[in-house]
Protein backbone atom coordinates (compact mmCIF):
# COMPACT_ATOMS: atom_id res chain seq x y z
CA MET A 1 31.15 -25.13 16.03
CA ASN A 2 34.59 -26.27 14.95
CA THR A 3 36.25 -28.68 17.39
CA VAL A 4 39.63 -26.96 17.34
CA SER A 5 38.23 -23.49 17.92
CA ARG A 6 36.03 -24.81 20.72
CA ILE A 7 38.88 -26.58 22.54
CA ILE A 8 41.64 -24.03 22.00
CA ARG A 9 40.67 -20.42 22.56
CA PHE A 10 43.20 -18.16 20.91
CA ASP A 11 42.67 -15.29 23.36
CA LEU A 12 43.09 -17.54 26.41
CA LEU A 13 44.60 -21.00 26.04
CA SER A 14 42.49 -23.48 27.98
CA LEU A 15 44.05 -26.18 30.12
CA PRO A 16 42.36 -29.03 28.18
CA GLY A 17 43.56 -27.49 24.93
CA LEU A 18 47.09 -27.26 26.26
CA SER A 19 46.86 -30.86 27.46
CA LEU A 20 45.76 -32.03 24.00
CA PHE A 21 48.52 -30.02 22.30
CA LEU A 22 51.28 -31.29 24.61
CA GLY A 23 49.93 -34.83 24.34
CA GLY A 24 50.11 -34.68 20.56
CA LEU A 25 53.57 -33.14 20.67
CA LEU A 26 54.90 -35.82 23.03
CA TRP A 27 53.31 -38.53 20.89
CA VAL A 28 55.15 -37.31 17.78
CA MET A 29 58.41 -36.78 19.68
CA SER A 30 58.26 -40.35 21.05
CA PHE A 31 58.91 -41.64 17.52
CA THR A 32 62.44 -40.24 17.63
CA GLN A 33 63.38 -41.74 20.99
CA VAL A 34 64.45 -45.17 22.21
CA THR A 35 61.34 -47.05 23.33
CA PHE A 36 62.81 -50.31 24.58
CA TYR A 37 66.28 -51.47 25.53
CA THR A 38 66.66 -55.13 24.65
CA ASN A 39 69.37 -57.78 24.89
CA HIS A 40 69.98 -57.24 21.13
CA GLY A 41 70.14 -53.42 21.17
CA VAL A 42 67.54 -50.68 21.19
CA VAL A 43 64.10 -50.37 19.63
CA MET A 44 63.15 -46.92 18.37
CA GLY A 45 59.70 -45.39 18.70
CA TYR A 46 59.08 -45.16 14.95
CA TRP A 47 59.59 -48.93 14.66
CA VAL A 48 57.07 -49.60 17.43
CA ALA A 49 54.60 -47.16 15.84
CA ALA A 50 54.95 -48.82 12.44
CA THR A 51 54.84 -52.45 13.56
CA GLY A 52 52.87 -52.34 16.80
CA TRP A 53 49.63 -53.30 15.10
CA LEU A 54 51.13 -56.76 14.55
CA GLY A 55 50.86 -57.37 18.30
CA PHE A 56 47.23 -58.34 17.77
CA GLY A 57 48.30 -61.88 16.92
CA LEU A 58 50.33 -62.11 20.13
CA PHE A 59 47.63 -60.66 22.43
CA GLN A 60 49.58 -57.41 22.83
CA PHE A 61 46.97 -54.74 22.27
CA ALA A 62 48.64 -51.61 23.73
CA TRP A 63 49.32 -50.14 20.27
CA TYR A 64 45.57 -49.91 19.69
CA ALA A 65 45.32 -47.36 22.50
CA ASN A 66 46.57 -44.83 19.93
CA LEU A 67 43.45 -45.43 17.84
CA LEU A 68 41.15 -45.17 20.84
CA GLU A 69 42.71 -41.86 21.86
CA LEU A 70 42.30 -40.49 18.33
CA LEU A 71 38.68 -41.66 18.26
CA GLY A 72 38.07 -39.98 21.62
CA VAL A 73 39.44 -36.67 20.33
CA LEU A 74 37.24 -36.90 17.24
CA LEU A 75 34.14 -37.70 19.32
CA MET A 76 34.66 -35.14 22.08
CA SER A 77 32.79 -32.26 20.47
CA ARG A 78 29.61 -34.14 19.57
CA TYR A 79 29.56 -36.97 22.11
CA PRO A 80 31.66 -35.96 25.14
CA ASN A 81 30.46 -38.77 27.42
CA ARG A 82 31.23 -41.44 24.85
CA ALA A 83 34.60 -39.82 24.17
CA MET A 84 35.45 -40.00 27.86
CA VAL A 85 34.68 -43.72 27.97
CA VAL A 86 36.77 -44.34 24.85
CA VAL A 87 39.86 -42.49 26.12
CA VAL A 88 39.71 -44.10 29.55
CA LEU A 89 39.61 -47.48 27.81
CA GLY A 90 42.60 -46.26 25.78
CA VAL A 91 44.63 -45.51 28.91
CA LEU A 92 43.78 -48.91 30.36
CA LEU A 93 44.74 -50.61 27.11
CA ALA A 94 48.01 -48.64 26.95
CA GLY A 95 48.82 -49.95 30.41
CA GLN A 96 49.24 -53.39 28.89
CA ALA A 97 52.54 -52.15 27.46
CA PHE A 98 54.04 -52.44 30.95
CA TRP A 99 53.55 -56.21 30.72
CA PHE A 100 55.78 -56.65 27.66
CA THR A 101 58.78 -58.81 28.41
CA GLU A 102 59.91 -59.69 24.89
CA ILE A 103 59.58 -58.63 21.29
CA PRO A 104 59.20 -61.49 18.81
CA GLY A 105 61.76 -61.63 16.01
CA GLN A 106 62.50 -63.77 12.97
CA LYS A 107 65.51 -65.56 14.43
CA ALA A 108 65.08 -65.04 18.18
CA ASN A 109 62.94 -63.08 20.56
CA MET A 110 64.40 -59.89 22.01
CA GLN A 111 64.13 -59.70 25.78
CA ILE A 112 63.13 -56.23 27.01
CA VAL A 113 65.70 -55.10 29.55
CA ASP A 114 64.46 -51.55 30.24
CA LEU A 115 61.94 -48.96 29.07
CA GLY A 116 63.35 -45.99 27.18
CA MET A 117 62.41 -42.31 27.08
CA GLY A 118 60.25 -42.90 24.00
CA PHE A 119 58.04 -45.27 25.97
CA TRP A 120 57.55 -42.76 28.77
CA MET A 121 56.86 -39.95 26.30
CA TRP A 122 54.28 -42.13 24.55
CA TYR A 123 52.54 -43.09 27.78
CA ALA A 124 52.55 -39.47 29.02
CA SER A 125 50.99 -38.42 25.72
CA ILE A 126 48.20 -40.97 26.17
CA VAL A 127 47.52 -39.64 29.69
CA LEU A 128 47.60 -35.99 28.57
CA VAL A 129 45.22 -36.60 25.68
CA THR A 130 42.89 -38.47 28.03
CA LEU A 131 42.88 -35.56 30.48
CA GLY A 132 42.29 -33.12 27.62
CA VAL A 133 39.28 -35.09 26.42
CA ILE A 134 37.82 -35.58 29.90
CA PHE A 135 38.08 -31.93 30.91
CA GLY A 136 37.66 -30.44 27.42
CA PRO A 137 33.96 -30.52 26.66
CA THR A 138 31.98 -27.72 28.26
CA GLU A 139 28.56 -28.96 27.19
CA GLU A 140 26.77 -32.12 28.23
CA GLU A 141 25.72 -34.67 25.65
CA THR A 142 22.13 -34.07 24.64
CA ILE A 143 19.67 -36.58 23.29
CA THR A 144 17.65 -35.23 20.40
CA THR A 145 14.25 -36.59 19.58
CA PRO A 146 12.75 -36.22 16.13
CA THR A 147 9.94 -33.72 15.89
CA PRO A 148 6.69 -34.81 14.25
CA ASN A 149 5.86 -33.17 10.94
């Protein structure tokens, strides 16, 4: 059965389906908002989305929560238990973003003064997608054994 049709029922919108939809909508909208206020100005969400993967070298892994959430959504129809583990790890990894105090730059580091609306929209989207994945699957994961010929 198709994942989208299983999660979102067109006759009656399910709560997990609504959570996934709103999470995705907030995630996209966070690109257009200010994510961080720094001592050198503001940092927009699209810039963080495009360059956040570079944080790997600085032990800032929060950007990778986006990939874990996507993986959880893709796994939720076939492997719901594994998907739940992946998205919970994603929320925990996204929590590392609260620890950021500066953004490295070419000339000088930018000190983060405050978190913008884009940050809160992004984090809310991560939480909503996690809730959608956790409460979305209606079937338990089954282990199939090969049948002898």
